N, C-alpha and C. Protein backbone atom coordinates (compact mmCIF):
# COMPACT_ATOMS: atom_id res chain seq x y z
N MET A 1 -33.24 -40.99 -67.12
CA MET A 1 -33.61 -41.31 -65.78
C MET A 1 -32.37 -41.45 -64.90
N LYS A 2 -31.30 -41.99 -65.48
CA LYS A 2 -30.08 -42.13 -64.72
C LYS A 2 -29.53 -40.76 -64.31
N ARG A 3 -29.66 -39.83 -65.22
CA ARG A 3 -29.18 -38.48 -64.89
C ARG A 3 -30.00 -37.88 -63.77
N PHE A 4 -31.28 -38.12 -63.78
CA PHE A 4 -32.15 -37.61 -62.73
C PHE A 4 -31.80 -38.25 -61.39
N ALA A 5 -31.49 -39.52 -61.37
CA ALA A 5 -31.13 -40.23 -60.15
C ALA A 5 -29.80 -39.70 -59.61
N VAL A 6 -28.86 -39.43 -60.51
CA VAL A 6 -27.56 -38.88 -60.10
C VAL A 6 -27.75 -37.48 -59.52
N LEU A 7 -28.62 -36.67 -60.16
CA LEU A 7 -28.88 -35.32 -59.67
C LEU A 7 -29.54 -35.35 -58.30
N VAL A 8 -30.50 -36.22 -58.10
CA VAL A 8 -31.16 -36.36 -56.80
C VAL A 8 -30.15 -36.84 -55.76
N GLY A 9 -29.29 -37.74 -56.12
CA GLY A 9 -28.27 -38.25 -55.20
C GLY A 9 -27.30 -37.16 -54.79
N LEU A 10 -26.87 -36.34 -55.74
CA LEU A 10 -25.96 -35.25 -55.42
C LEU A 10 -26.62 -34.19 -54.54
N LEU A 11 -27.87 -33.89 -54.80
CA LEU A 11 -28.59 -32.90 -54.00
C LEU A 11 -28.84 -33.40 -52.58
N SER A 12 -29.02 -34.68 -52.41
CA SER A 12 -29.28 -35.22 -51.07
C SER A 12 -28.01 -35.20 -50.21
N LEU A 13 -26.85 -35.22 -50.84
CA LEU A 13 -25.60 -35.15 -50.08
C LEU A 13 -25.38 -33.75 -49.50
N GLY A 14 -25.86 -32.74 -50.11
CA GLY A 14 -25.65 -31.36 -49.67
C GLY A 14 -26.82 -30.82 -48.89
N THR A 15 -27.24 -31.50 -47.82
CA THR A 15 -28.36 -31.03 -47.01
C THR A 15 -27.92 -29.81 -46.20
N PRO A 16 -28.83 -28.90 -45.97
CA PRO A 16 -28.46 -27.70 -45.23
C PRO A 16 -28.10 -28.03 -43.77
N ALA A 17 -27.11 -27.28 -43.22
CA ALA A 17 -26.70 -27.46 -41.82
C ALA A 17 -27.36 -26.38 -40.99
N PHE A 18 -27.87 -26.78 -39.85
CA PHE A 18 -28.49 -25.83 -38.95
C PHE A 18 -27.57 -25.63 -37.75
N CYS A 19 -27.31 -24.35 -37.37
CA CYS A 19 -26.47 -24.06 -36.21
C CYS A 19 -26.94 -22.77 -35.56
N GLU A 20 -26.48 -22.58 -34.35
CA GLU A 20 -26.83 -21.38 -33.60
C GLU A 20 -25.60 -20.48 -33.55
N VAL A 21 -25.72 -19.25 -34.03
CA VAL A 21 -24.63 -18.28 -34.02
C VAL A 21 -25.02 -17.16 -33.06
N THR A 22 -24.13 -16.90 -32.10
CA THR A 22 -24.37 -15.84 -31.13
C THR A 22 -23.20 -14.87 -31.15
N HIS A 23 -23.49 -13.58 -31.26
CA HIS A 23 -22.45 -12.55 -31.20
C HIS A 23 -22.82 -11.61 -30.06
N ARG A 24 -21.92 -11.48 -29.09
CA ARG A 24 -22.19 -10.64 -27.92
C ARG A 24 -21.08 -9.60 -27.82
N ILE A 25 -21.46 -8.34 -27.66
CA ILE A 25 -20.51 -7.25 -27.47
C ILE A 25 -20.83 -6.61 -26.12
N GLN A 26 -19.80 -6.48 -25.29
CA GLN A 26 -20.00 -5.92 -23.94
C GLN A 26 -18.97 -4.83 -23.72
N ALA A 27 -19.41 -3.67 -23.24
CA ALA A 27 -18.53 -2.55 -22.93
C ALA A 27 -18.61 -2.26 -21.44
N ASN A 28 -17.45 -2.06 -20.80
CA ASN A 28 -17.38 -1.77 -19.36
C ASN A 28 -16.47 -0.58 -19.11
N VAL A 29 -16.83 0.21 -18.13
CA VAL A 29 -15.98 1.31 -17.66
C VAL A 29 -15.89 1.20 -16.15
N GLN A 30 -14.66 1.28 -15.62
CA GLN A 30 -14.44 1.25 -14.18
C GLN A 30 -13.68 2.51 -13.79
N LEU A 31 -14.23 3.28 -12.86
CA LEU A 31 -13.60 4.50 -12.37
C LEU A 31 -13.28 4.32 -10.89
N THR A 32 -12.04 4.66 -10.48
CA THR A 32 -11.61 4.47 -9.11
C THR A 32 -10.88 5.71 -8.61
N VAL A 33 -11.19 6.12 -7.39
CA VAL A 33 -10.46 7.18 -6.70
C VAL A 33 -9.86 6.56 -5.45
N ASP A 34 -8.53 6.58 -5.33
CA ASP A 34 -7.85 5.98 -4.17
C ASP A 34 -8.17 6.74 -2.90
N GLY A 35 -8.34 6.01 -1.81
CA GLY A 35 -8.56 6.62 -0.51
C GLY A 35 -7.25 7.02 0.15
N ALA A 36 -7.30 7.98 1.03
CA ALA A 36 -6.11 8.41 1.77
C ALA A 36 -5.79 7.39 2.86
N SER A 37 -4.50 7.19 3.10
CA SER A 37 -4.10 6.29 4.17
C SER A 37 -2.72 6.67 4.69
N SER A 38 -2.45 6.22 5.87
CA SER A 38 -1.16 6.49 6.49
C SER A 38 -0.79 5.32 7.38
N VAL A 39 0.47 4.92 7.34
CA VAL A 39 0.98 3.87 8.20
C VAL A 39 2.16 4.45 8.96
N ALA A 40 2.09 4.43 10.28
CA ALA A 40 3.16 4.99 11.11
C ALA A 40 3.64 3.95 12.11
N SER A 41 4.95 3.86 12.26
CA SER A 41 5.55 2.93 13.22
C SER A 41 6.42 3.72 14.19
N ARG A 42 6.22 3.45 15.47
CA ARG A 42 7.04 4.11 16.47
C ARG A 42 8.44 3.53 16.49
N ILE A 43 9.41 4.39 16.76
CA ILE A 43 10.80 3.97 16.94
C ILE A 43 11.00 3.73 18.45
N PRO A 44 11.57 2.59 18.83
CA PRO A 44 11.76 2.32 20.27
C PRO A 44 12.99 3.07 20.82
N SER A 45 13.02 3.26 22.12
CA SER A 45 14.22 3.76 22.78
C SER A 45 15.22 2.62 22.88
N THR A 46 16.48 2.90 22.59
CA THR A 46 17.51 1.86 22.68
C THR A 46 18.75 2.43 23.39
N TYR A 47 19.46 1.55 24.07
CA TYR A 47 20.70 1.93 24.75
C TYR A 47 21.66 0.75 24.63
N SER A 48 22.90 1.04 24.30
CA SER A 48 23.90 -0.03 24.29
C SER A 48 25.23 0.54 24.79
N VAL A 49 26.02 -0.32 25.42
CA VAL A 49 27.34 0.05 25.90
C VAL A 49 28.25 -1.16 25.72
N SER A 50 29.48 -0.91 25.31
CA SER A 50 30.46 -2.00 25.20
C SER A 50 31.84 -1.41 25.40
N GLY A 51 32.78 -2.24 25.74
CA GLY A 51 34.15 -1.77 25.91
C GLY A 51 35.05 -2.85 26.46
N SER A 52 36.31 -2.51 26.52
CA SER A 52 37.30 -3.39 27.14
C SER A 52 38.17 -2.55 28.06
N ASN A 53 38.60 -3.16 29.14
CA ASN A 53 39.37 -2.48 30.18
C ASN A 53 38.57 -1.33 30.80
N VAL A 54 37.23 -1.53 30.92
CA VAL A 54 36.33 -0.53 31.49
C VAL A 54 35.48 -1.22 32.56
N VAL A 55 35.25 -0.55 33.68
CA VAL A 55 34.43 -1.08 34.76
C VAL A 55 33.41 -0.03 35.16
N VAL A 56 32.39 -0.48 35.89
CA VAL A 56 31.42 0.45 36.46
C VAL A 56 32.18 1.27 37.50
N GLY A 57 31.92 2.58 37.49
CA GLY A 57 32.63 3.49 38.41
C GLY A 57 32.41 3.12 39.86
N SER A 58 33.12 3.83 40.72
CA SER A 58 33.00 3.56 42.16
C SER A 58 32.16 4.65 42.81
N GLY A 59 31.65 4.39 43.96
CA GLY A 59 30.84 5.36 44.68
C GLY A 59 29.40 4.90 44.80
N ASN A 60 28.61 5.71 45.46
CA ASN A 60 27.22 5.36 45.74
C ASN A 60 26.34 5.35 44.47
N ASN A 61 26.68 6.15 43.48
CA ASN A 61 25.85 6.26 42.27
C ASN A 61 26.43 5.47 41.09
N ALA A 62 27.39 4.60 41.34
CA ALA A 62 28.01 3.85 40.26
C ALA A 62 27.04 2.79 39.74
N SER A 63 26.81 2.81 38.44
CA SER A 63 25.90 1.83 37.84
C SER A 63 26.10 1.79 36.33
N PHE A 64 25.63 0.71 35.73
CA PHE A 64 25.56 0.66 34.27
C PHE A 64 24.49 1.62 33.81
N GLY A 65 24.67 2.17 32.62
CA GLY A 65 23.62 3.00 32.05
C GLY A 65 22.45 2.12 31.62
N GLY A 66 21.33 2.73 31.33
CA GLY A 66 20.17 1.95 30.92
C GLY A 66 19.01 2.85 30.55
N LEU A 67 17.84 2.26 30.53
CA LEU A 67 16.62 2.98 30.18
C LEU A 67 15.65 2.99 31.34
N THR A 68 14.90 4.07 31.47
CA THR A 68 13.83 4.11 32.47
C THR A 68 12.67 3.27 31.95
N ALA A 69 11.67 3.06 32.78
CA ALA A 69 10.53 2.24 32.40
C ALA A 69 9.58 2.96 31.45
N GLY A 70 9.63 4.29 31.38
CA GLY A 70 8.67 5.01 30.56
C GLY A 70 7.32 5.07 31.25
N SER A 71 6.32 5.57 30.54
CA SER A 71 4.98 5.66 31.11
C SER A 71 3.95 5.40 30.02
N ALA A 72 2.70 5.62 30.34
CA ALA A 72 1.62 5.37 29.37
C ALA A 72 1.70 6.32 28.17
N THR A 73 2.33 7.48 28.34
CA THR A 73 2.40 8.44 27.23
C THR A 73 3.82 8.86 26.89
N ALA A 74 4.83 8.42 27.65
CA ALA A 74 6.22 8.83 27.40
C ALA A 74 7.08 7.61 27.14
N SER A 75 8.00 7.75 26.21
CA SER A 75 8.91 6.65 25.91
C SER A 75 10.01 6.61 26.97
N PRO A 76 10.68 5.46 27.11
CA PRO A 76 11.77 5.36 28.07
C PRO A 76 12.88 6.37 27.76
N THR A 77 13.51 6.86 28.83
CA THR A 77 14.61 7.82 28.68
C THR A 77 15.90 7.19 29.21
N LEU A 78 17.01 7.90 29.06
CA LEU A 78 18.33 7.41 29.42
C LEU A 78 18.59 7.57 30.91
N THR A 79 19.14 6.50 31.50
CA THR A 79 19.73 6.59 32.84
C THR A 79 21.23 6.51 32.63
N ALA A 80 21.93 7.59 32.94
CA ALA A 80 23.37 7.66 32.66
C ALA A 80 24.13 6.68 33.54
N GLY A 81 25.18 6.12 32.98
CA GLY A 81 26.05 5.20 33.72
C GLY A 81 27.30 5.92 34.19
N SER A 82 28.02 5.28 35.07
CA SER A 82 29.28 5.81 35.59
C SER A 82 30.36 4.76 35.32
N TYR A 83 31.38 5.13 34.54
CA TYR A 83 32.39 4.16 34.11
C TYR A 83 33.79 4.69 34.41
N ASP A 84 34.69 3.74 34.70
CA ASP A 84 36.11 4.06 34.94
C ASP A 84 36.97 3.08 34.15
N ILE A 85 38.25 3.46 33.99
CA ILE A 85 39.21 2.54 33.37
C ILE A 85 39.63 1.52 34.43
N ASN A 86 39.68 0.25 34.04
CA ASN A 86 39.96 -0.83 34.99
C ASN A 86 41.43 -0.81 35.40
N VAL A 87 42.36 -0.88 34.43
CA VAL A 87 43.79 -0.91 34.74
C VAL A 87 44.41 0.33 34.12
N ASP A 88 44.84 1.26 34.97
CA ASP A 88 45.45 2.49 34.47
C ASP A 88 46.69 2.17 33.63
N GLY A 89 46.87 2.91 32.57
CA GLY A 89 48.05 2.74 31.72
C GLY A 89 47.85 1.73 30.60
N ASN A 90 46.84 0.87 30.69
CA ASN A 90 46.57 -0.09 29.61
C ASN A 90 45.60 0.53 28.61
N SER A 91 45.62 0.00 27.42
CA SER A 91 44.68 0.52 26.40
C SER A 91 43.25 0.15 26.78
N PHE A 92 42.32 0.94 26.28
CA PHE A 92 40.92 0.66 26.56
C PHE A 92 40.10 1.05 25.34
N ALA A 93 38.89 0.52 25.28
CA ALA A 93 37.92 0.87 24.23
C ALA A 93 36.57 1.04 24.92
N PHE A 94 35.82 2.04 24.47
CA PHE A 94 34.52 2.29 25.10
C PHE A 94 33.57 2.85 24.03
N SER A 95 32.35 2.31 24.04
CA SER A 95 31.33 2.80 23.11
C SER A 95 29.99 2.80 23.84
N GLU A 96 29.27 3.90 23.71
CA GLU A 96 27.96 4.02 24.33
C GLU A 96 27.04 4.72 23.34
N SER A 97 25.82 4.19 23.17
CA SER A 97 24.87 4.84 22.25
C SER A 97 23.47 4.82 22.87
N PHE A 98 22.70 5.87 22.53
CA PHE A 98 21.33 6.00 23.04
C PHE A 98 20.48 6.61 21.93
N LEU A 99 19.30 6.03 21.74
CA LEU A 99 18.33 6.58 20.80
C LEU A 99 17.03 6.81 21.55
N GLN A 100 16.59 8.06 21.58
CA GLN A 100 15.32 8.39 22.25
C GLN A 100 14.18 7.97 21.35
N GLY A 101 13.30 7.13 21.83
CA GLY A 101 12.18 6.62 21.05
C GLY A 101 11.05 7.63 20.94
N ASP A 102 10.08 7.28 20.10
CA ASP A 102 8.90 8.13 19.90
C ASP A 102 7.99 8.06 21.12
N PRO A 103 7.34 9.17 21.45
CA PRO A 103 6.36 9.14 22.54
C PRO A 103 5.14 8.33 22.13
N ILE A 104 4.37 7.92 23.09
CA ILE A 104 3.15 7.17 22.81
C ILE A 104 2.02 8.18 22.64
N ALA A 105 1.57 8.37 21.41
CA ALA A 105 0.51 9.35 21.14
C ALA A 105 -0.84 8.77 21.53
N THR A 106 -1.76 9.65 21.90
CA THR A 106 -3.11 9.19 22.18
C THR A 106 -3.79 8.82 20.86
N LEU A 107 -4.86 8.06 20.92
CA LEU A 107 -5.55 7.58 19.74
C LEU A 107 -5.97 8.75 18.86
N ASN A 108 -5.67 8.68 17.57
CA ASN A 108 -5.98 9.69 16.56
C ASN A 108 -5.27 11.02 16.78
N ALA A 109 -4.29 11.08 17.66
CA ALA A 109 -3.58 12.33 17.87
C ALA A 109 -2.79 12.69 16.62
N GLY A 110 -2.98 13.89 16.14
CA GLY A 110 -2.22 14.37 14.99
C GLY A 110 -2.85 14.05 13.66
N SER A 111 -3.86 13.21 13.61
CA SER A 111 -4.48 12.86 12.33
C SER A 111 -5.70 13.73 12.09
N THR A 112 -5.72 14.40 10.97
CA THR A 112 -6.87 15.21 10.59
C THR A 112 -7.27 14.78 9.20
N VAL A 113 -8.50 14.32 9.03
CA VAL A 113 -9.00 13.88 7.74
C VAL A 113 -10.10 14.84 7.29
N SER A 114 -9.97 15.35 6.07
CA SER A 114 -10.97 16.27 5.53
C SER A 114 -12.27 15.51 5.26
N THR A 115 -13.38 16.05 5.72
CA THR A 115 -14.68 15.40 5.50
C THR A 115 -15.19 15.63 4.08
N THR A 116 -14.65 16.60 3.36
CA THR A 116 -15.11 16.85 1.99
C THR A 116 -14.29 16.10 0.96
N THR A 117 -12.96 16.03 1.16
CA THR A 117 -12.11 15.36 0.16
C THR A 117 -11.64 13.99 0.60
N GLY A 118 -11.66 13.71 1.92
CA GLY A 118 -11.16 12.44 2.43
C GLY A 118 -9.66 12.39 2.56
N ASN A 119 -8.96 13.47 2.26
CA ASN A 119 -7.50 13.50 2.35
C ASN A 119 -7.05 13.65 3.79
N VAL A 120 -5.90 13.03 4.12
CA VAL A 120 -5.31 13.16 5.44
C VAL A 120 -4.49 14.45 5.45
N ALA A 121 -4.88 15.40 6.30
CA ALA A 121 -4.20 16.70 6.33
C ALA A 121 -2.93 16.65 7.17
N SER A 122 -2.93 15.88 8.26
CA SER A 122 -1.74 15.76 9.09
C SER A 122 -1.73 14.38 9.73
N ILE A 123 -0.53 13.94 10.10
CA ILE A 123 -0.38 12.61 10.67
C ILE A 123 0.52 12.69 11.90
N PRO A 124 0.53 11.65 12.75
CA PRO A 124 1.44 11.66 13.89
C PRO A 124 2.89 11.69 13.42
N ALA A 125 3.74 12.38 14.15
CA ALA A 125 5.16 12.48 13.79
C ALA A 125 5.91 11.32 14.43
N TYR A 126 5.83 10.16 13.82
CA TYR A 126 6.57 8.99 14.31
C TYR A 126 7.82 8.79 13.48
N GLY A 127 8.71 7.93 13.98
CA GLY A 127 10.01 7.73 13.33
C GLY A 127 9.92 7.18 11.92
N VAL A 128 8.98 6.29 11.64
CA VAL A 128 8.81 5.73 10.30
C VAL A 128 7.36 5.94 9.89
N THR A 129 7.12 6.77 8.89
CA THR A 129 5.76 7.08 8.47
C THR A 129 5.67 7.05 6.95
N THR A 130 4.67 6.35 6.43
CA THR A 130 4.39 6.33 5.00
C THR A 130 2.97 6.82 4.81
N THR A 131 2.79 7.81 3.94
CA THR A 131 1.49 8.42 3.76
C THR A 131 1.12 8.45 2.28
N PHE A 132 -0.13 8.10 2.01
CA PHE A 132 -0.70 8.20 0.67
C PHE A 132 -1.81 9.24 0.78
N SER A 133 -1.70 10.31 0.00
CA SER A 133 -2.63 11.43 0.18
C SER A 133 -4.03 11.12 -0.35
N GLY A 134 -4.16 10.13 -1.17
CA GLY A 134 -5.48 9.83 -1.73
C GLY A 134 -5.70 10.58 -3.03
N GLY A 135 -6.63 10.10 -3.79
CA GLY A 135 -6.90 10.71 -5.09
C GLY A 135 -7.90 11.84 -5.00
N VAL A 136 -7.91 12.64 -6.04
CA VAL A 136 -8.87 13.73 -6.18
C VAL A 136 -9.55 13.52 -7.53
N LYS A 137 -10.86 13.44 -7.52
CA LYS A 137 -11.63 13.10 -8.71
C LYS A 137 -11.26 13.97 -9.90
N GLY A 138 -11.24 15.26 -9.72
CA GLY A 138 -10.93 16.15 -10.84
C GLY A 138 -11.91 15.94 -11.98
N SER A 139 -11.40 15.69 -13.17
CA SER A 139 -12.26 15.51 -14.35
C SER A 139 -12.50 14.04 -14.68
N LEU A 140 -12.24 13.12 -13.73
CA LEU A 140 -12.41 11.69 -13.95
C LEU A 140 -13.85 11.40 -14.38
N ALA A 141 -14.01 10.76 -15.56
CA ALA A 141 -15.35 10.44 -16.07
C ALA A 141 -15.24 9.31 -17.09
N GLY A 142 -16.35 8.64 -17.30
CA GLY A 142 -16.42 7.58 -18.29
C GLY A 142 -17.86 7.28 -18.62
N GLY A 143 -18.10 6.80 -19.84
CA GLY A 143 -19.46 6.49 -20.25
C GLY A 143 -19.49 5.36 -21.25
N VAL A 144 -20.61 4.63 -21.28
CA VAL A 144 -20.83 3.52 -22.19
C VAL A 144 -22.07 3.83 -23.02
N SER A 145 -21.97 3.56 -24.33
CA SER A 145 -23.10 3.80 -25.24
C SER A 145 -23.58 2.48 -25.81
N SER A 146 -24.89 2.32 -25.94
CA SER A 146 -25.44 1.11 -26.55
C SER A 146 -25.53 1.25 -28.06
N LEU A 147 -25.21 2.42 -28.58
CA LEU A 147 -25.22 2.62 -30.02
C LEU A 147 -24.01 1.95 -30.65
N ASN A 148 -24.11 1.59 -31.92
CA ASN A 148 -23.01 0.97 -32.66
C ASN A 148 -22.49 -0.30 -32.00
N GLY A 149 -23.37 -1.08 -31.42
CA GLY A 149 -22.97 -2.38 -30.88
C GLY A 149 -22.28 -2.30 -29.54
N GLY A 150 -22.43 -1.27 -28.77
CA GLY A 150 -21.82 -1.16 -27.44
C GLY A 150 -20.42 -0.61 -27.51
N THR A 151 -20.27 0.66 -27.27
CA THR A 151 -18.96 1.29 -27.32
C THR A 151 -18.75 2.12 -26.05
N ILE A 152 -17.50 2.47 -25.83
CA ILE A 152 -17.17 3.38 -24.74
C ILE A 152 -17.25 4.78 -25.32
N SER A 153 -18.22 5.55 -24.84
CA SER A 153 -18.44 6.88 -25.41
C SER A 153 -17.44 7.91 -24.92
N SER A 154 -16.95 7.74 -23.67
CA SER A 154 -15.95 8.67 -23.15
C SER A 154 -15.16 8.01 -22.03
N LEU A 155 -13.90 8.39 -21.91
CA LEU A 155 -13.03 7.92 -20.85
C LEU A 155 -12.03 9.04 -20.60
N VAL A 156 -12.19 9.77 -19.48
CA VAL A 156 -11.39 10.95 -19.20
C VAL A 156 -10.60 10.73 -17.92
N ALA A 157 -9.29 10.95 -17.99
CA ALA A 157 -8.42 10.78 -16.83
C ALA A 157 -8.71 11.84 -15.78
N GLY A 158 -8.56 11.47 -14.52
CA GLY A 158 -8.75 12.41 -13.42
C GLY A 158 -7.40 12.91 -12.94
N ASN A 159 -7.36 13.42 -11.72
CA ASN A 159 -6.12 13.89 -11.12
C ASN A 159 -5.35 12.70 -10.55
N GLY A 160 -4.24 12.97 -9.84
CA GLY A 160 -3.43 11.91 -9.25
C GLY A 160 -4.24 11.04 -8.31
N GLY A 161 -3.92 9.76 -8.25
CA GLY A 161 -4.62 8.84 -7.36
C GLY A 161 -5.94 8.35 -7.91
N THR A 162 -6.12 8.44 -9.24
CA THR A 162 -7.35 7.96 -9.86
C THR A 162 -7.00 6.96 -10.95
N THR A 163 -7.97 6.12 -11.29
CA THR A 163 -7.81 5.12 -12.35
C THR A 163 -9.07 5.09 -13.18
N ALA A 164 -8.90 5.08 -14.51
CA ALA A 164 -10.02 4.92 -15.43
C ALA A 164 -9.69 3.76 -16.36
N ILE A 165 -10.52 2.73 -16.36
CA ILE A 165 -10.28 1.54 -17.17
C ILE A 165 -11.49 1.34 -18.08
N GLY A 166 -11.25 1.22 -19.38
CA GLY A 166 -12.29 0.91 -20.33
C GLY A 166 -12.01 -0.43 -21.00
N GLN A 167 -13.05 -1.24 -21.20
CA GLN A 167 -12.86 -2.56 -21.77
C GLN A 167 -14.04 -2.90 -22.69
N ILE A 168 -13.73 -3.40 -23.88
CA ILE A 168 -14.76 -3.88 -24.80
C ILE A 168 -14.47 -5.35 -25.07
N THR A 169 -15.48 -6.21 -24.88
CA THR A 169 -15.33 -7.64 -25.12
C THR A 169 -16.28 -8.03 -26.26
N SER A 170 -15.73 -8.72 -27.23
CA SER A 170 -16.54 -9.22 -28.36
C SER A 170 -16.43 -10.74 -28.35
N GLU A 171 -17.59 -11.42 -28.30
CA GLU A 171 -17.64 -12.89 -28.21
C GLU A 171 -18.48 -13.43 -29.34
N LEU A 172 -17.95 -14.37 -30.08
CA LEU A 172 -18.67 -15.02 -31.16
C LEU A 172 -18.68 -16.53 -30.88
N SER A 173 -19.89 -17.11 -30.79
CA SER A 173 -19.96 -18.55 -30.56
C SER A 173 -20.85 -19.19 -31.62
N VAL A 174 -20.39 -20.31 -32.10
CA VAL A 174 -21.14 -21.08 -33.11
C VAL A 174 -21.35 -22.46 -32.53
N ARG A 175 -22.64 -22.88 -32.49
CA ARG A 175 -22.97 -24.21 -31.94
C ARG A 175 -23.70 -25.02 -32.99
């Protein structure tokens, strides 16, 4: 009887444990084709003059150089100055610089976007321009299969400006 009591005692210590086990497999494919874009910045008109032992010339048209006011579609232009040496026979230094700025283009002037591909065919000719031509789908493709626990059945790279990302996530939780 003692042996039976010991056996029952040992069996009661090893009671079965109940838990919830969940295994989840998820497959994802993301395909992206970049859009065309362009960023253009106009360069301003600039004028500078400096020197020593130099004065504005004499006469009715004597003036410092400068810029015109420009207009709604034209950038400012140069107004020439008239300069003379202040003290003859002394050393002098003179520097003058002018940069003609970009004209003011009308809205969408120069930009042509293809309605079939979305690519920018031409852009305004400004002083600083950065252009991204955009992607072309080409053979870009991807697929997900529910067979074999969720797998990526295909992932094919496209042409330039495309992205293909495949991801498989496996999650095991025990509660």
